[in-house]
Amino acid sequence: LQEDMDSPRSGRRAEVTQKGSELGPLVASAEDLSCNVSALDDSQKERLLTDKEKGL
């Protein structure tokens, strides 16, 4: 009985680790993209402000 109980658990653990490894990079990349986009937006806003100030 113990072997039967352990075998499916190990299989489930393997599936979970595989899913985690697959989702991990995707989530990280999504977070990085959002951070990069926000940073670009901030820099663009600053440039627009400086341009407006120069124009004024």
PDB file of N, CA and C in Angstrom:
ATOM      1  N   LEU A   1       0.845  -1.209   0.000  1.00  0.00           N
ATOM      2  CA  LEU A   1       0.000   0.000   0.000  1.00  0.00           C
ATOM      3  C   LEU A   1       0.879   1.257   0.000  1.00  0.00           C
ATOM      4  N   GLN A   2       1.956   1.243   0.767  1.00  0.00           N
ATOM      5  CA  GLN A   2       2.825   2.424   0.830  1.00  0.00           C
ATOM      6  C   GLN A   2       3.420   2.721  -0.542  1.00  0.00           C
ATOM      7  N   GLU A   3       3.858   1.673  -1.257  1.00  0.00           N
ATOM      8  CA  GLU A   3       4.450   1.889  -2.584  1.00  0.00           C
ATOM      9  C   GLU A   3       3.410   2.484  -3.527  1.00  0.00           C
ATOM     10  N   ASP A   4       2.186   1.984  -3.468  1.00  0.00           N
ATOM     11  CA  ASP A   4       1.130   2.495  -4.347  1.00  0.00           C
ATOM     12  C   ASP A   4       0.851   3.967  -4.022  1.00  0.00           C
ATOM     13  N   MET A   5       0.882   4.317  -2.753  1.00  0.00           N
ATOM     14  CA  MET A   5       0.600   5.701  -2.363  1.00  0.00           C
ATOM     15  C   MET A   5       1.764   6.613  -2.759  1.00  0.00           C
ATOM     16  N   ASP A   6       2.997   6.117  -2.640  1.00  0.00           N
ATOM     17  CA  ASP A   6       4.167   6.949  -2.941  1.00  0.00           C
ATOM     18  C   ASP A   6       4.322   7.180  -4.437  1.00  0.00           C
ATOM     19  N   SER A   7       4.051   6.160  -5.251  1.00  0.00           N
ATOM     20  CA  SER A   7       4.281   6.300  -6.694  1.00  0.00           C
ATOM     21  C   SER A   7       3.435   7.424  -7.304  1.00  0.00           C
ATOM     22  N   PRO A   8       2.147   7.518  -7.054  1.00  0.00           N
ATOM     23  CA  PRO A   8       1.370   8.617  -7.648  1.00  0.00           C
ATOM     24  C   PRO A   8       1.811   9.974  -7.103  1.00  0.00           C
ATOM     25  N   ARG A   9       2.205  10.021  -5.840  1.00  0.00           N
ATOM     26  CA  ARG A   9       2.645  11.295  -5.259  1.00  0.00           C
ATOM     27  C   ARG A   9       3.887  11.801  -5.981  1.00  0.00           C
ATOM     28  N   SER A  10       4.845  10.883  -6.198  1.00  0.00           N
ATOM     29  CA  SER A  10       6.077  11.299  -6.889  1.00  0.00           C
ATOM     30  C   SER A  10       5.732  11.778  -8.296  1.00  0.00           C
ATOM     31  N   GLY A  11       4.793  11.100  -8.964  1.00  0.00           N
ATOM     32  CA  GLY A  11       4.380  11.513 -10.309  1.00  0.00           C
ATOM     33  C   GLY A  11       3.735  12.883 -10.253  1.00  0.00           C
ATOM     34  N   ARG A  12       2.888  13.105  -9.277  1.00  0.00           N
ATOM     35  CA  ARG A  12       2.226  14.413  -9.156  1.00  0.00           C
ATOM     36  C   ARG A  12       3.265  15.496  -8.878  1.00  0.00           C
ATOM     37  N   ARG A  13       4.216  15.176  -8.008  1.00  0.00           N
ATOM     38  CA  ARG A  13       5.250  16.172  -7.693  1.00  0.00           C
ATOM     39  C   ARG A  13       6.020  16.538  -8.954  1.00  0.00           C
ATOM     40  N   ALA A  14       6.326  15.529  -9.771  1.00  0.00           N
ATOM     41  CA  ALA A  14       7.067  15.786 -11.014  1.00  0.00           C
ATOM     42  C   ALA A  14       6.236  16.697 -11.916  1.00  0.00           C
ATOM     43  N   GLU A  15       4.944  16.438 -12.010  1.00  0.00           N
ATOM     44  CA  GLU A  15       4.082  17.267 -12.866  1.00  0.00           C
ATOM     45  C   GLU A  15       4.055  18.702 -12.339  1.00  0.00           C
ATOM     46  N   VAL A  16       3.953  18.850 -11.041  1.00  0.00           N
ATOM     47  CA  VAL A  16       3.891  20.191 -10.447  1.00  0.00           C
ATOM     48  C   VAL A  16       5.187  20.952 -10.726  1.00  0.00           C
ATOM     49  N   THR A  17       6.324  20.263 -10.558  1.00  0.00           N
ATOM     50  CA  THR A  17       7.605  20.934 -10.793  1.00  0.00           C
ATOM     51  C   THR A  17       7.715  21.332 -12.259  1.00  0.00           C
ATOM     52  N   GLN A  18       7.270  20.472 -13.155  1.00  0.00           N
ATOM     53  CA  GLN A  18       7.325  20.799 -14.583  1.00  0.00           C
ATOM     54  C   GLN A  18       6.444  22.013 -14.869  1.00  0.00           C
ATOM     55  N   LYS A  19       5.241  22.021 -14.327  1.00  0.00           N
ATOM     56  CA  LYS A  19       4.338  23.157 -14.553  1.00  0.00           C
ATOM     57  C   LYS A  19       4.956  24.430 -13.978  1.00  0.00           C
ATOM     58  N   GLY A  20       5.547  24.315 -12.794  1.00  0.00           N
ATOM     59  CA  GLY A  20       6.156  25.481 -12.170  1.00  0.00           C
ATOM     60  C   GLY A  20       7.295  26.020 -13.014  1.00  0.00           C
ATOM     61  N   SER A  21       8.128  25.126 -13.533  1.00  0.00           N
ATOM     62  CA  SER A  21       9.262  25.578 -14.351  1.00  0.00           C
ATOM     63  C   SER A  21       8.756  26.236 -15.629  1.00  0.00           C
ATOM     64  N   GLU A  22       7.665  25.729 -16.174  1.00  0.00           N
ATOM     65  CA  GLU A  22       7.127  26.312 -17.412  1.00  0.00           C
ATOM     66  C   GLU A  22       6.497  27.679 -17.129  1.00  0.00           C
ATOM     67  N   LEU A  23       5.765  27.784 -16.022  1.00  0.00           N
ATOM     68  CA  LEU A  23       5.085  29.040 -15.707  1.00  0.00           C
ATOM     69  C   LEU A  23       6.075  30.074 -15.162  1.00  0.00           C
ATOM     70  N   GLY A  24       7.097  29.617 -14.460  1.00  0.00           N
ATOM     71  CA  GLY A  24       8.046  30.535 -13.841  1.00  0.00           C
ATOM     72  C   GLY A  24       8.602  31.563 -14.809  1.00  0.00           C
ATOM     73  N   PRO A  25       9.307  31.133 -15.861  1.00  0.00           N
ATOM     74  CA  PRO A  25       9.893  32.090 -16.813  1.00  0.00           C
ATOM     75  C   PRO A  25       8.847  32.996 -17.451  1.00  0.00           C
ATOM     76  N   LEU A  26       7.675  32.426 -17.762  1.00  0.00           N
ATOM     77  CA  LEU A  26       6.635  33.231 -18.409  1.00  0.00           C
ATOM     78  C   LEU A  26       6.199  34.359 -17.478  1.00  0.00           C
ATOM     79  N   VAL A  27       5.965  34.014 -16.209  1.00  0.00           N
ATOM     80  CA  VAL A  27       5.520  35.035 -15.254  1.00  0.00           C
ATOM     81  C   VAL A  27       6.616  36.083 -15.075  1.00  0.00           C
ATOM     82  N   ALA A  28       7.852  35.621 -14.950  1.00  0.00           N
ATOM     83  CA  ALA A  28       8.968  36.553 -14.756  1.00  0.00           C
ATOM     84  C   ALA A  28       9.080  37.487 -15.954  1.00  0.00           C
ATOM     85  N   SER A  29       8.977  36.916 -17.145  1.00  0.00           N
ATOM     86  CA  SER A  29       9.103  37.740 -18.355  1.00  0.00           C
ATOM     87  C   SER A  29       7.966  38.758 -18.398  1.00  0.00           C
ATOM     88  N   ALA A  30       6.768  38.336 -18.009  1.00  0.00           N
ATOM     89  CA  ALA A  30       5.623  39.251 -18.029  1.00  0.00           C
ATOM     90  C   ALA A  30       5.880  40.400 -17.054  1.00  0.00           C
ATOM     91  N   GLU A  31       6.398  40.073 -15.864  1.00  0.00           N
ATOM     92  CA  GLU A  31       6.689  41.119 -14.884  1.00  0.00           C
ATOM     93  C   GLU A  31       7.773  42.054 -15.415  1.00  0.00           C
ATOM     94  N   ASP A  32       8.814  41.473 -16.020  1.00  0.00           N
ATOM     95  CA  ASP A  32       9.893  42.297 -16.563  1.00  0.00           C
ATOM     96  C   ASP A  32       9.355  43.226 -17.641  1.00  0.00           C
ATOM     97  N   LEU A  33       8.490  42.688 -18.506  1.00  0.00           N
ATOM     98  CA  LEU A  33       7.937  43.505 -19.589  1.00  0.00           C
ATOM     99  C   LEU A  33       7.136  44.660 -19.000  1.00  0.00           C
ATOM    100  N   SER A  34       6.307  44.377 -17.992  1.00  0.00           N
ATOM    101  CA  SER A  34       5.482  45.431 -17.406  1.00  0.00           C
ATOM    102  C   SER A  34       6.380  46.496 -16.773  1.00  0.00           C
ATOM    103  N   CYS A  35       7.441  46.058 -16.100  1.00  0.00           N
ATOM    104  CA  CYS A  35       8.364  47.012 -15.480  1.00  0.00           C
ATOM    105  C   CYS A  35       9.053  47.841 -16.553  1.00  0.00           C
ATOM    106  N   ASN A  36       9.503  47.182 -17.618  1.00  0.00           N
ATOM    107  CA  ASN A  36      10.195  47.898 -18.698  1.00  0.00           C
ATOM    108  C   ASN A  36       9.250  48.900 -19.349  1.00  0.00           C
ATOM    109  N   VAL A  37       8.012  48.505 -19.571  1.00  0.00           N
ATOM    110  CA  VAL A  37       7.041  49.400 -20.208  1.00  0.00           C
ATOM    111  C   VAL A  37       6.802  50.614 -19.319  1.00  0.00           C
ATOM    112  N   SER A  38       6.629  50.382 -18.022  1.00  0.00           N
ATOM    113  CA  SER A  38       6.390  51.505 -17.114  1.00  0.00           C
ATOM    114  C   SER A  38       7.602  52.431 -17.104  1.00  0.00           C
ATOM    115  N   ALA A  39       8.800  51.860 -17.139  1.00  0.00           N
ATOM    116  CA  ALA A  39      10.015  52.677 -17.152  1.00  0.00           C
ATOM    117  C   ALA A  39      10.066  53.500 -18.432  1.00  0.00           C
ATOM    118  N   LEU A  40       9.734  52.879 -19.555  1.00  0.00           N
ATOM    119  CA  LEU A  40       9.735  53.607 -20.831  1.00  0.00           C
ATOM    120  C   LEU A  40       8.701  54.729 -20.779  1.00  0.00           C
ATOM    121  N   ASP A  41       7.533  54.429 -20.233  1.00  0.00           N
ATOM    122  CA  ASP A  41       6.489  55.453 -20.146  1.00  0.00           C
ATOM    123  C   ASP A  41       6.991  56.634 -19.319  1.00  0.00           C
ATOM    124  N   ASP A  42       7.650  56.342 -18.207  1.00  0.00           N
ATOM    125  CA  ASP A  42       8.163  57.416 -17.357  1.00  0.00           C
ATOM    126  C   ASP A  42       9.191  58.255 -18.116  1.00  0.00           C
ATOM    127  N   SER A  43      10.112  57.583 -18.799  1.00  0.00           N
ATOM    128  CA  SER A  43      11.154  58.324 -19.532  1.00  0.00           C
ATOM    129  C   SER A  43      10.517  59.160 -20.635  1.00  0.00           C
ATOM    130  N   GLN A  44       9.536  58.603 -21.310  1.00  0.00           N
ATOM    131  CA  GLN A  44       8.861  59.349 -22.377  1.00  0.00           C
ATOM    132  C   GLN A  44       8.139  60.556 -21.789  1.00  0.00           C
ATOM    133  N   LYS A  45       7.499  60.379 -20.645  1.00  0.00           N
ATOM    134  CA  LYS A  45       6.795  61.498 -20.008  1.00  0.00           C
ATOM    135  C   LYS A  45       7.801  62.593 -19.654  1.00  0.00           C
ATOM    136  N   GLU A  46       8.953  62.185 -19.108  1.00  0.00           N
ATOM    137  CA  GLU A  46       9.977  63.167 -18.743  1.00  0.00           C
ATOM    138  C   GLU A  46      10.452  63.916 -19.980  1.00  0.00           C
ATOM    139  N   ARG A  47      10.656  63.197 -21.070  1.00  0.00           N
ATOM    140  CA  ARG A  47      11.116  63.840 -22.305  1.00  0.00           C
ATOM    141  C   ARG A  47      10.063  64.818 -22.806  1.00  0.00           C
ATOM    142  N   LEU A  48       8.798  64.415 -22.738  1.00  0.00           N
ATOM    143  CA  LEU A  48       7.726  65.304 -23.190  1.00  0.00           C
ATOM    144  C   LEU A  48       7.699  66.559 -22.326  1.00  0.00           C
ATOM    145  N   LEU A  49       7.867  66.382 -21.022  1.00  0.00           N
ATOM    146  CA  LEU A  49       7.854  67.538 -20.127  1.00  0.00           C
ATOM    147  C   LEU A  49       9.016  68.469 -20.454  1.00  0.00           C
ATOM    148  N   THR A  50      10.199  67.901 -20.652  1.00  0.00           N
ATOM    149  CA  THR A  50      11.364  68.737 -20.958  1.00  0.00           C
ATOM    150  C   THR A  50      11.149  69.449 -22.288  1.00  0.00           C
ATOM    151  N   ASP A  51      10.589  68.749 -23.256  1.00  0.00           N
ATOM    152  CA  ASP A  51      10.326  69.371 -24.563  1.00  0.00           C
ATOM    153  C   ASP A  51       9.342  70.530 -24.393  1.00  0.00           C
ATOM    154  N   LYS A  52       8.302  70.330 -23.607  1.00  0.00           N
ATOM    155  CA  LYS A  52       7.308  71.391 -23.397  1.00  0.00           C
ATOM    156  C   LYS A  52       7.961  72.576 -22.693  1.00  0.00           C
ATOM    157  N   GLU A  53       8.799  72.267 -21.691  1.00  0.00           N
ATOM    158  CA  GLU A  53       9.479  73.341 -20.969  1.00  0.00           C
ATOM    159  C   GLU A  53      10.383  74.121 -21.923  1.00  0.00           C
ATOM    160  N   LYS A  54      11.090  73.395 -22.782  1.00  0.00           N
ATOM    161  CA  LYS A  54      11.973  74.068 -23.742  1.00  0.00           C
ATOM    162  C   LYS A  54      11.141  74.926 -24.691  1.00  0.00           C
ATOM    163  N   GLY A  55       9.987  74.394 -25.109  1.00  0.00           N
ATOM    164  CA  GLY A  55       9.135  75.146 -26.027  1.00  0.00           C
ATOM    165  C   GLY A  55       8.593  76.395 -25.349  1.00  0.00           C
ATOM    166  N   LEU A  56       8.248  76.286 -24.065  1.00  0.00           N
ATOM    167  CA  LEU A  56       7.716  77.446 -23.352  1.00  0.00           C
ATOM    168  C   LEU A  56       8.850  78.431 -23.088  1.00  0.00           C
TER     169      LEU A  56
END
